[in-house]
Amino acid sequence: STSKKRDEAIEFVKNQPTYFTSGEGKEQIHGA
């Protein structure tokens, strides 16, 4: 995403105990 909140969103979701990710680079998916 081009959103200014992207880094904040990634940091927030990584702090969740159910965090998961897949792919790399621009194809990387973050979630929880």
Full PDB file with SEQRES, HELIX, SHEET, SSBOND, CRYST1, ORIGX, SCALE, CONECT and MASTER records, all heavy atoms in Angstrom:
SEQRES   1 A   32  SER THR SER LYS LYS ARG ASP GLU ALA ILE GLU PHE VAL          
SEQRES   2 A   32  LYS ASN GLN PRO THR TYR PHE THR SER GLY GLU GLY LYS          
SEQRES   3 A   32  GLU GLN ILE HIS GLY ALA                                      
HELIX    1 AA1 ARG A    6  LYS A   14  1                                   9    
HELIX    2 AA2 GLY A   25  GLU A   27  5                                   3    
SHEET    1 AA1 2 PHE A  20  SER A  22  0                                        
SHEET    2 AA1 2 ILE A  29  GLY A  31 -1                                        
CRYST1    1.000    1.000    1.000  90.00  90.00  90.00 P 1           1          
ORIGX1      1.000000  0.000000  0.000000        0.00000                         
ORIGX2      0.000000  1.000000  0.000000        0.00000                         
ORIGX3      0.000000  0.000000  1.000000        0.00000                         
SCALE1      1.000000  0.000000  0.000000        0.00000                         
SCALE2      0.000000  1.000000  0.000000        0.00000                         
SCALE3      0.000000  0.000000  1.000000        0.00000                         
ATOM      1  N   SER A   1       0.850  -1.192   0.000  1.00  0.00           N  
ATOM      2  CA  SER A   1       0.000   0.000   0.000  1.00  0.00           C  
ATOM      3  C   SER A   1       0.883   1.239   0.000  1.00  0.00           C  
ATOM      4  O   SER A   1       2.006   1.222   0.519  1.00  0.00           O  
ATOM      5  CB  SER A   1      -0.908   0.012   1.229  1.00  0.00           C  
ATOM      6  OG  SER A   1      -1.618   1.230   1.305  1.00  0.00           O  
ATOM      7  N   THR A   2       0.370   2.323  -0.582  1.00  0.00           N  
ATOM      8  CA  THR A   2       1.084   3.606  -0.573  1.00  0.00           C  
ATOM      9  C   THR A   2       0.691   4.455   0.625  1.00  0.00           C  
ATOM     10  O   THR A   2       1.144   5.587   0.772  1.00  0.00           O  
ATOM     11  CB  THR A   2       0.773   4.393  -1.866  1.00  0.00           C  
ATOM     12  OG1 THR A   2      -0.656   4.591  -1.956  1.00  0.00           O  
ATOM     13  CG2 THR A   2       1.260   3.641  -3.093  1.00  0.00           C  
ATOM     14  N   SER A   3      -0.143   3.914   1.507  1.00  0.00           N  
ATOM     15  CA  SER A   3      -0.600   4.663   2.665  1.00  0.00           C  
ATOM     16  C   SER A   3       0.563   5.004   3.608  1.00  0.00           C  
ATOM     17  O   SER A   3       1.486   4.217   3.794  1.00  0.00           O  
ATOM     18  CB  SER A   3      -1.646   3.842   3.433  1.00  0.00           C  
ATOM     19  OG  SER A   3      -1.958   4.468   4.662  1.00  0.00           O  
ATOM     20  N   LYS A   4       0.485   6.186   4.200  1.00  0.00           N  
ATOM     21  CA  LYS A   4       1.492   6.607   5.175  1.00  0.00           C  
ATOM     22  C   LYS A   4       1.431   5.759   6.446  1.00  0.00           C  
ATOM     23  O   LYS A   4       2.363   5.765   7.248  1.00  0.00           O  
ATOM     24  CB  LYS A   4       1.284   8.079   5.526  1.00  0.00           C  
ATOM     25  CG  LYS A   4       1.508   9.031   4.351  1.00  0.00           C  
ATOM     26  CD  LYS A   4       1.259  10.474   4.774  1.00  0.00           C  
ATOM     27  CE  LYS A   4       1.476  11.428   3.602  1.00  0.00           C  
ATOM     28  NZ  LYS A   4       1.224  12.846   3.989  1.00  0.00           N  
ATOM     29  N   LYS A   5       0.305   5.054   6.624  1.00  0.00           N  
ATOM     30  CA  LYS A   5       0.133   4.243   7.827  1.00  0.00           C  
ATOM     31  C   LYS A   5       0.666   2.815   7.652  1.00  0.00           C  
ATOM     32  O   LYS A   5       0.528   1.998   8.553  1.00  0.00           O  
ATOM     33  CB  LYS A   5      -1.350   4.173   8.216  1.00  0.00           C  
ATOM     34  CG  LYS A   5      -1.950   5.503   8.637  1.00  0.00           C  
ATOM     35  CD  LYS A   5      -3.403   5.320   9.049  1.00  0.00           C  
ATOM     36  CE  LYS A   5      -4.014   6.625   9.526  1.00  0.00           C  
ATOM     37  NZ  LYS A   5      -5.437   6.448   9.933  1.00  0.00           N  
ATOM     38  N   ARG A   6       1.288   2.516   6.508  1.00  0.00           N  
ATOM     39  CA  ARG A   6       1.702   1.139   6.236  1.00  0.00           C  
ATOM     40  C   ARG A   6       2.704   0.628   7.267  1.00  0.00           C  
ATOM     41  O   ARG A   6       2.545  -0.472   7.809  1.00  0.00           O  
ATOM     42  CB  ARG A   6       2.290   1.025   4.840  1.00  0.00           C  
ATOM     43  CG  ARG A   6       2.619  -0.423   4.449  1.00  0.00           C  
ATOM     44  CD  ARG A   6       3.017  -0.541   2.989  1.00  0.00           C  
ATOM     45  NE  ARG A   6       3.213  -1.936   2.627  1.00  0.00           N  
ATOM     46  CZ  ARG A   6       4.379  -2.593   2.767  1.00  0.00           C  
ATOM     47  NH1 ARG A   6       5.441  -1.948   3.256  1.00  0.00           N  
ATOM     48  NH2 ARG A   6       4.472  -3.872   2.425  1.00  0.00           N  
ATOM     49  N   ASP A   7       3.722   1.424   7.563  1.00  0.00           N  
ATOM     50  CA  ASP A   7       4.730   0.989   8.541  1.00  0.00           C  
ATOM     51  C   ASP A   7       4.106   0.789   9.921  1.00  0.00           C  
ATOM     52  O   ASP A   7       4.425  -0.158  10.638  1.00  0.00           O  
ATOM     53  CB  ASP A   7       5.865   2.018   8.628  1.00  0.00           C  
ATOM     54  CG  ASP A   7       6.708   2.050   7.365  1.00  0.00           C  
ATOM     55  OD1 ASP A   7       6.674   1.064   6.601  1.00  0.00           O  
ATOM     56  OD2 ASP A   7       7.403   3.064   7.129  1.00  0.00           O  
ATOM     57  N   GLU A   8       3.181   1.703  10.274  1.00  0.00           N  
ATOM     58  CA  GLU A   8       2.497   1.587  11.567  1.00  0.00           C  
ATOM     59  C   GLU A   8       1.643   0.326  11.610  1.00  0.00           C  
ATOM     60  O   GLU A   8       1.587  -0.370  12.631  1.00  0.00           O  
ATOM     61  CB  GLU A   8       1.633   2.819  11.814  1.00  0.00           C  
ATOM     62  CG  GLU A   8       0.962   2.837  13.181  1.00  0.00           C  
ATOM     63  CD  GLU A   8       0.074   4.054  13.386  1.00  0.00           C  
ATOM     64  OE1 GLU A   8       0.077   4.966  12.526  1.00  0.00           O  
ATOM     65  OE2 GLU A   8      -0.653   4.090  14.410  1.00  0.00           O  
ATOM     66  N   ALA A   9       0.994   0.020  10.469  1.00  0.00           N  
ATOM     67  CA  ALA A   9       0.147  -1.170  10.404  1.00  0.00           C  
ATOM     68  C   ALA A   9       0.980  -2.441  10.531  1.00  0.00           C  
ATOM     69  O   ALA A   9       0.591  -3.392  11.229  1.00  0.00           O  
ATOM     70  CB  ALA A   9      -0.639  -1.181   9.100  1.00  0.00           C  
ATOM     71  N   ILE A  10       2.148  -2.459   9.878  1.00  0.00           N  
ATOM     72  CA  ILE A  10       3.018  -3.639   9.941  1.00  0.00           C  
ATOM     73  C   ILE A  10       3.527  -3.841  11.371  1.00  0.00           C  
ATOM     74  O   ILE A  10       3.528  -4.959  11.895  1.00  0.00           O  
ATOM     75  CB  ILE A  10       4.200  -3.489   8.959  1.00  0.00           C  
ATOM     76  CG1 ILE A  10       3.682  -3.543   7.508  1.00  0.00           C  
ATOM     77  CG2 ILE A  10       5.230  -4.587   9.192  1.00  0.00           C  
ATOM     78  CD1 ILE A  10       4.745  -3.270   6.468  1.00  0.00           C  
ATOM     79  N   GLU A  11       3.952  -2.748  12.000  1.00  0.00           N  
ATOM     80  CA  GLU A  11       4.443  -2.844  13.373  1.00  0.00           C  
ATOM     81  C   GLU A  11       3.343  -3.333  14.313  1.00  0.00           C  
ATOM     82  O   GLU A  11       3.578  -4.176  15.187  1.00  0.00           O  
ATOM     83  CB  GLU A  11       4.967  -1.483  13.828  1.00  0.00           C  
ATOM     84  CG  GLU A  11       5.544  -1.501  15.234  1.00  0.00           C  
ATOM     85  CD  GLU A  11       6.044  -0.144  15.682  1.00  0.00           C  
ATOM     86  OE1 GLU A  11       5.976   0.817  14.878  1.00  0.00           O  
ATOM     87  OE2 GLU A  11       6.485  -0.024  16.831  1.00  0.00           O  
ATOM     88  N   PHE A  12       2.117  -2.810  14.109  1.00  0.00           N  
ATOM     89  CA  PHE A  12       1.003  -3.193  14.982  1.00  0.00           C  
ATOM     90  C   PHE A  12       0.665  -4.670  14.832  1.00  0.00           C  
ATOM     91  O   PHE A  12       0.505  -5.396  15.819  1.00  0.00           O  
ATOM     92  CB  PHE A  12      -0.233  -2.340  14.667  1.00  0.00           C  
ATOM     93  CG  PHE A  12      -1.446  -2.687  15.479  1.00  0.00           C  
ATOM     94  CD1 PHE A  12      -1.591  -2.216  16.775  1.00  0.00           C  
ATOM     95  CD2 PHE A  12      -2.447  -3.502  14.956  1.00  0.00           C  
ATOM     96  CE1 PHE A  12      -2.698  -2.547  17.536  1.00  0.00           C  
ATOM     97  CE2 PHE A  12      -3.561  -3.837  15.708  1.00  0.00           C  
ATOM     98  CZ  PHE A  12      -3.692  -3.357  16.998  1.00  0.00           C  
ATOM     99  N   VAL A  13       0.573  -5.137  13.582  1.00  0.00           N  
ATOM    100  CA  VAL A  13       0.152  -6.517  13.362  1.00  0.00           C  
ATOM    101  C   VAL A  13       1.229  -7.500  13.805  1.00  0.00           C  
ATOM    102  O   VAL A  13       0.934  -8.619  14.252  1.00  0.00           O  
ATOM    103  CB  VAL A  13      -0.237  -6.733  11.874  1.00  0.00           C  
ATOM    104  CG1 VAL A  13       0.993  -6.841  10.979  1.00  0.00           C  
ATOM    105  CG2 VAL A  13      -1.123  -7.965  11.714  1.00  0.00           C  
ATOM    106  N   LYS A  14       2.502  -7.088  13.732  1.00  0.00           N  
ATOM    107  CA  LYS A  14       3.582  -7.972  14.176  1.00  0.00           C  
ATOM    108  C   LYS A  14       3.548  -8.184  15.690  1.00  0.00           C  
ATOM    109  O   LYS A  14       4.059  -9.190  16.192  1.00  0.00           O  
ATOM    110  CB  LYS A  14       4.940  -7.398  13.761  1.00  0.00           C  
ATOM    111  CG  LYS A  14       5.289  -7.628  12.293  1.00  0.00           C  
ATOM    112  CD  LYS A  14       6.681  -7.109  11.982  1.00  0.00           C  
ATOM    113  CE  LYS A  14       7.080  -7.439  10.543  1.00  0.00           C  
ATOM    114  NZ  LYS A  14       8.451  -6.941  10.225  1.00  0.00           N  
ATOM    115  N   ASN A  15       2.964  -7.239  16.393  1.00  0.00           N  
ATOM    116  CA  ASN A  15       2.871  -7.345  17.850  1.00  0.00           C  
ATOM    117  C   ASN A  15       1.715  -8.236  18.317  1.00  0.00           C  
ATOM    118  O   ASN A  15       1.551  -8.465  19.521  1.00  0.00           O  
ATOM    119  CB  ASN A  15       2.719  -5.958  18.481  1.00  0.00           C  
ATOM    120  CG  ASN A  15       4.004  -5.155  18.427  1.00  0.00           C  
ATOM    121  OD1 ASN A  15       5.094  -5.721  18.516  1.00  0.00           O  
ATOM    122  ND2 ASN A  15       3.900  -3.846  18.257  1.00  0.00           N  
ATOM    123  N   GLN A  16       0.900  -8.713  17.378  1.00  0.00           N  
ATOM    124  CA  GLN A  16      -0.213  -9.588  17.735  1.00  0.00           C  
ATOM    125  C   GLN A  16       0.277 -11.023  17.892  1.00  0.00           C  
ATOM    126  O   GLN A  16       1.097 -11.500  17.084  1.00  0.00           O  
ATOM    127  CB  GLN A  16      -1.327  -9.516  16.671  1.00  0.00           C  
ATOM    128  CG  GLN A  16      -1.844  -8.119  16.399  1.00  0.00           C  
ATOM    129  CD  GLN A  16      -2.284  -7.401  17.663  1.00  0.00           C  
ATOM    130  OE1 GLN A  16      -3.018  -7.953  18.484  1.00  0.00           O  
ATOM    131  NE2 GLN A  16      -1.818  -6.170  17.824  1.00  0.00           N  
ATOM    132  N   PRO A  17      -0.204 -11.757  18.896  1.00  0.00           N  
ATOM    133  CA  PRO A  17       0.260 -13.143  19.105  1.00  0.00           C  
ATOM    134  C   PRO A  17      -0.103 -14.077  17.960  1.00  0.00           C  
ATOM    135  O   PRO A  17       0.499 -15.148  17.818  1.00  0.00           O  
ATOM    136  CB  PRO A  17      -0.448 -13.556  20.399  1.00  0.00           C  
ATOM    137  CG  PRO A  17      -1.607 -12.623  20.534  1.00  0.00           C  
ATOM    138  CD  PRO A  17      -1.173 -11.338  19.913  1.00  0.00           C  
ATOM    139  N   THR A  18      -1.059 -13.705  17.135  1.00  0.00           N  
ATOM    140  CA  THR A  18      -1.497 -14.569  16.023  1.00  0.00           C  
ATOM    141  C   THR A  18      -0.955 -14.074  14.679  1.00  0.00           C  
ATOM    142  O   THR A  18      -1.489 -14.428  13.622  1.00  0.00           O  
ATOM    143  CB  THR A  18      -3.041 -14.602  15.962  1.00  0.00           C  
ATOM    144  OG1 THR A  18      -3.530 -13.255  15.871  1.00  0.00           O  
ATOM    145  CG2 THR A  18      -3.620 -15.267  17.203  1.00  0.00           C  
ATOM    146  N   TYR A  19       0.067 -13.272  14.711  1.00  0.00           N  
ATOM    147  CA  TYR A  19       0.644 -12.697  13.472  1.00  0.00           C  
ATOM    148  C   TYR A  19       1.115 -13.791  12.523  1.00  0.00           C  
ATOM    149  O   TYR A  19       1.660 -14.817  12.927  1.00  0.00           O  
ATOM    150  CB  TYR A  19       1.817 -11.787  13.829  1.00  0.00           C  
ATOM    151  CG  TYR A  19       2.631 -11.350  12.622  1.00  0.00           C  
ATOM    152  CD1 TYR A  19       2.121 -10.423  11.703  1.00  0.00           C  
ATOM    153  CD2 TYR A  19       3.906 -11.877  12.403  1.00  0.00           C  
ATOM    154  CE1 TYR A  19       2.879 -10.019  10.605  1.00  0.00           C  
ATOM    155  CE2 TYR A  19       4.663 -11.482  11.311  1.00  0.00           C  
ATOM    156  CZ  TYR A  19       4.139 -10.549  10.409  1.00  0.00           C  
ATOM    157  OH  TYR A  19       4.883 -10.148   9.313  1.00  0.00           O  
ATOM    158  N   PHE A  20       0.894 -13.554  11.222  1.00  0.00           N  
ATOM    159  CA  PHE A  20       1.413 -14.451  10.190  1.00  0.00           C  
ATOM    160  C   PHE A  20       1.829 -13.625   8.977  1.00  0.00           C  
ATOM    161  O   PHE A  20       1.386 -12.475   8.802  1.00  0.00           O  
ATOM    162  CB  PHE A  20       0.380 -15.508   9.786  1.00  0.00           C  
ATOM    163  CG  PHE A  20      -0.862 -14.932   9.159  1.00  0.00           C  
ATOM    164  CD1 PHE A  20      -0.913 -14.623   7.793  1.00  0.00           C  
ATOM    165  CD2 PHE A  20      -2.000 -14.704   9.922  1.00  0.00           C  
ATOM    166  CE1 PHE A  20      -2.069 -14.107   7.227  1.00  0.00           C  
ATOM    167  CE2 PHE A  20      -3.156 -14.179   9.357  1.00  0.00           C  
ATOM    168  CZ  PHE A  20      -3.191 -13.875   8.008  1.00  0.00           C  
ATOM    169  N   THR A  21       2.668 -14.188   8.141  1.00  0.00           N  
ATOM    170  CA  THR A  21       3.111 -13.487   6.931  1.00  0.00           C  
ATOM    171  C   THR A  21       3.439 -14.515   5.863  1.00  0.00           C  
ATOM    172  O   THR A  21       3.714 -15.692   6.154  1.00  0.00           O  
ATOM    173  CB  THR A  21       4.337 -12.610   7.217  1.00  0.00           C  
ATOM    174  OG1 THR A  21       4.672 -11.860   6.040  1.00  0.00           O  
ATOM    175  CG2 THR A  21       5.538 -13.447   7.644  1.00  0.00           C  
ATOM    176  N   SER A  22       3.392 -14.057   4.628  1.00  0.00           N  
ATOM    177  CA  SER A  22       3.743 -14.926   3.495  1.00  0.00           C  
ATOM    178  C   SER A  22       4.228 -14.046   2.344  1.00  0.00           C  
ATOM    179  O   SER A  22       3.883 -12.859   2.252  1.00  0.00           O  
ATOM    180  CB  SER A  22       2.536 -15.765   3.045  1.00  0.00           C  
ATOM    181  OG  SER A  22       1.502 -14.923   2.580  1.00  0.00           O  
ATOM    182  N   GLY A  23       5.040 -14.626   1.461  1.00  0.00           N  
ATOM    183  CA  GLY A  23       5.549 -13.882   0.319  1.00  0.00           C  
ATOM    184  C   GLY A  23       6.704 -12.969   0.698  1.00  0.00           C  
ATOM    185  O   GLY A  23       7.081 -12.842   1.869  1.00  0.00           O  
ATOM    186  N   GLU A  24       7.224 -12.290  -0.320  1.00  0.00           N  
ATOM    187  CA  GLU A  24       8.350 -11.385  -0.102  1.00  0.00           C  
ATOM    188  C   GLU A  24       8.179 -10.116  -0.904  1.00  0.00           C  
ATOM    189  O   GLU A  24       7.402 -10.058  -1.870  1.00  0.00           O  
ATOM    190  CB  GLU A  24       9.662 -12.072  -0.503  1.00  0.00           C  
ATOM    191  CG  GLU A  24      10.004 -13.296   0.323  1.00  0.00           C  
ATOM    192  CD  GLU A  24      11.313 -13.931  -0.109  1.00  0.00           C  
ATOM    193  OE1 GLU A  24      11.884 -13.459  -1.122  1.00  0.00           O  
ATOM    194  OE2 GLU A  24      11.752 -14.896   0.541  1.00  0.00           O  
ATOM    195  N   GLY A  25       8.920  -9.080  -0.502  1.00  0.00           N  
ATOM    196  CA  GLY A  25       8.921  -7.814  -1.236  1.00  0.00           C  
ATOM    197  C   GLY A  25       7.543  -7.202  -1.318  1.00  0.00           C  
ATOM    198  O   GLY A  25       6.785  -7.181  -0.342  1.00  0.00           O  
ATOM    199  N   LYS A  26       7.195  -6.715  -2.516  1.00  0.00           N  
ATOM    200  CA  LYS A  26       5.885  -6.090  -2.696  1.00  0.00           C  
ATOM    201  C   LYS A  26       4.747  -7.105  -2.622  1.00  0.00           C  
ATOM    202  O   LYS A  26       3.585  -6.726  -2.474  1.00  0.00           O  
ATOM    203  CB  LYS A  26       5.835  -5.361  -4.044  1.00  0.00           C  
ATOM    204  CG  LYS A  26       6.722  -4.124  -4.102  1.00  0.00           C  
ATOM    205  CD  LYS A  26       6.511  -3.386  -5.409  1.00  0.00           C  
ATOM    206  CE  LYS A  26       7.345  -2.096  -5.446  1.00  0.00           C  
ATOM    207  NZ  LYS A  26       7.137  -1.343  -6.717  1.00  0.00           N  
ATOM    208  N   GLU A  27       5.103  -8.382  -2.745  1.00  0.00           N  
ATOM    209  CA  GLU A  27       4.073  -9.434  -2.688  1.00  0.00           C  
ATOM    210  C   GLU A  27       3.843  -9.938  -1.262  1.00  0.00           C  
ATOM    211  O   GLU A  27       2.996 -10.795  -1.036  1.00  0.00           O  
ATOM    212  CB  GLU A  27       4.494 -10.620  -3.565  1.00  0.00           C  
ATOM    213  CG  GLU A  27       4.731 -10.260  -5.022  1.00  0.00           C  
ATOM    214  CD  GLU A  27       3.471  -9.688  -5.671  1.00  0.00           C  
ATOM    215  OE1 GLU A  27       2.382 -10.213  -5.384  1.00  0.00           O  
ATOM    216  OE2 GLU A  27       3.600  -8.726  -6.452  1.00  0.00           O  
ATOM    217  N   GLN A  28       4.579  -9.386  -0.307  1.00  0.00           N  
ATOM    218  CA  GLN A  28       4.466  -9.890   1.067  1.00  0.00           C  
ATOM    219  C   GLN A  28       3.112  -9.527   1.681  1.00  0.00           C  
ATOM    220  O   GLN A  28       2.625  -8.409   1.530  1.00  0.00           O  
ATOM    221  CB  GLN A  28       5.591  -9.331   1.945  1.00  0.00           C  
ATOM    222  CG  GLN A  28       5.610  -9.938   3.340  1.00  0.00           C  
ATOM    223  CD  GLN A  28       6.806  -9.493   4.155  1.00  0.00           C  
ATOM    224  OE1 GLN A  28       7.521  -8.553   3.778  1.00  0.00           O  
ATOM    225  NE2 GLN A  28       7.047 -10.160   5.276  1.00  0.00           N  
ATOM    226  N   ILE A  29       2.552 -10.505   2.355  1.00  0.00           N  
ATOM    227  CA  ILE A  29       1.256 -10.337   3.033  1.00  0.00           C  
ATOM    228  C   ILE A  29       1.479 -10.389   4.541  1.00  0.00           C  
ATOM    229  O   ILE A  29       2.184 -11.259   5.053  1.00  0.00           O  
ATOM    230  CB  ILE A  29       0.264 -11.454   2.620  1.00  0.00           C  
ATOM    231  CG1 ILE A  29       0.006 -11.417   1.114  1.00  0.00           C  
ATOM    232  CG2 ILE A  29      -1.060 -11.299   3.403  1.00  0.00           C  
ATOM    233  CD1 ILE A  29      -0.675 -10.153   0.630  1.00  0.00           C  
ATOM    234  N   HIS A  30       0.885  -9.458   5.264  1.00  0.00           N  
ATOM    235  CA  HIS A  30       0.917  -9.458   6.724  1.00  0.00           C  
ATOM    236  C   HIS A  30      -0.511  -9.644   7.238  1.00  0.00           C  
ATOM    237  O   HIS A  30      -1.461  -9.135   6.633  1.00  0.00           O  
ATOM    238  CB  HIS A  30       1.470  -8.133   7.262  1.00  0.00           C  
ATOM    239  CG  HIS A  30       2.842  -7.795   6.761  1.00  0.00           C  
ATOM    240  ND1 HIS A  30       3.983  -8.245   7.368  1.00  0.00           N  
ATOM    241  CD2 HIS A  30       3.241  -7.051   5.678  1.00  0.00           C  
ATOM    242  CE1 HIS A  30       5.033  -7.791   6.718  1.00  0.00           C  
ATOM    243  NE2 HIS A  30       4.618  -7.059   5.688  1.00  0.00           N  
ATOM    244  N   GLY A  31      -0.644 -10.329   8.332  1.00  0.00           N  
ATOM    245  CA  GLY A  31      -1.992 -10.505   8.873  1.00  0.00           C  
ATOM    246  C   GLY A  31      -1.985 -11.065  10.279  1.00  0.00           C  
ATOM    247  O   GLY A  31      -0.943 -11.434  10.822  1.00  0.00           O  
ATOM    248  N   ALA A  32      -3.164 -11.119  10.880  1.00  0.00           N  
ATOM    249  CA  ALA A  32      -3.327 -11.690  12.218  1.00  0.00           C  
ATOM    250  C   ALA A  32      -4.782 -12.087  12.400  1.00  0.00           C  
ATOM    251  O   ALA A  32      -5.672 -11.624  11.666  1.00  0.00           O  
ATOM    252  CB  ALA A  32      -2.899 -10.702  13.298  1.00  0.00           C  
TER     253      ALA A  32                                                      
MASTER        0    0    0    2    2    0    0    6  252    1    0    3          
END                                                                             
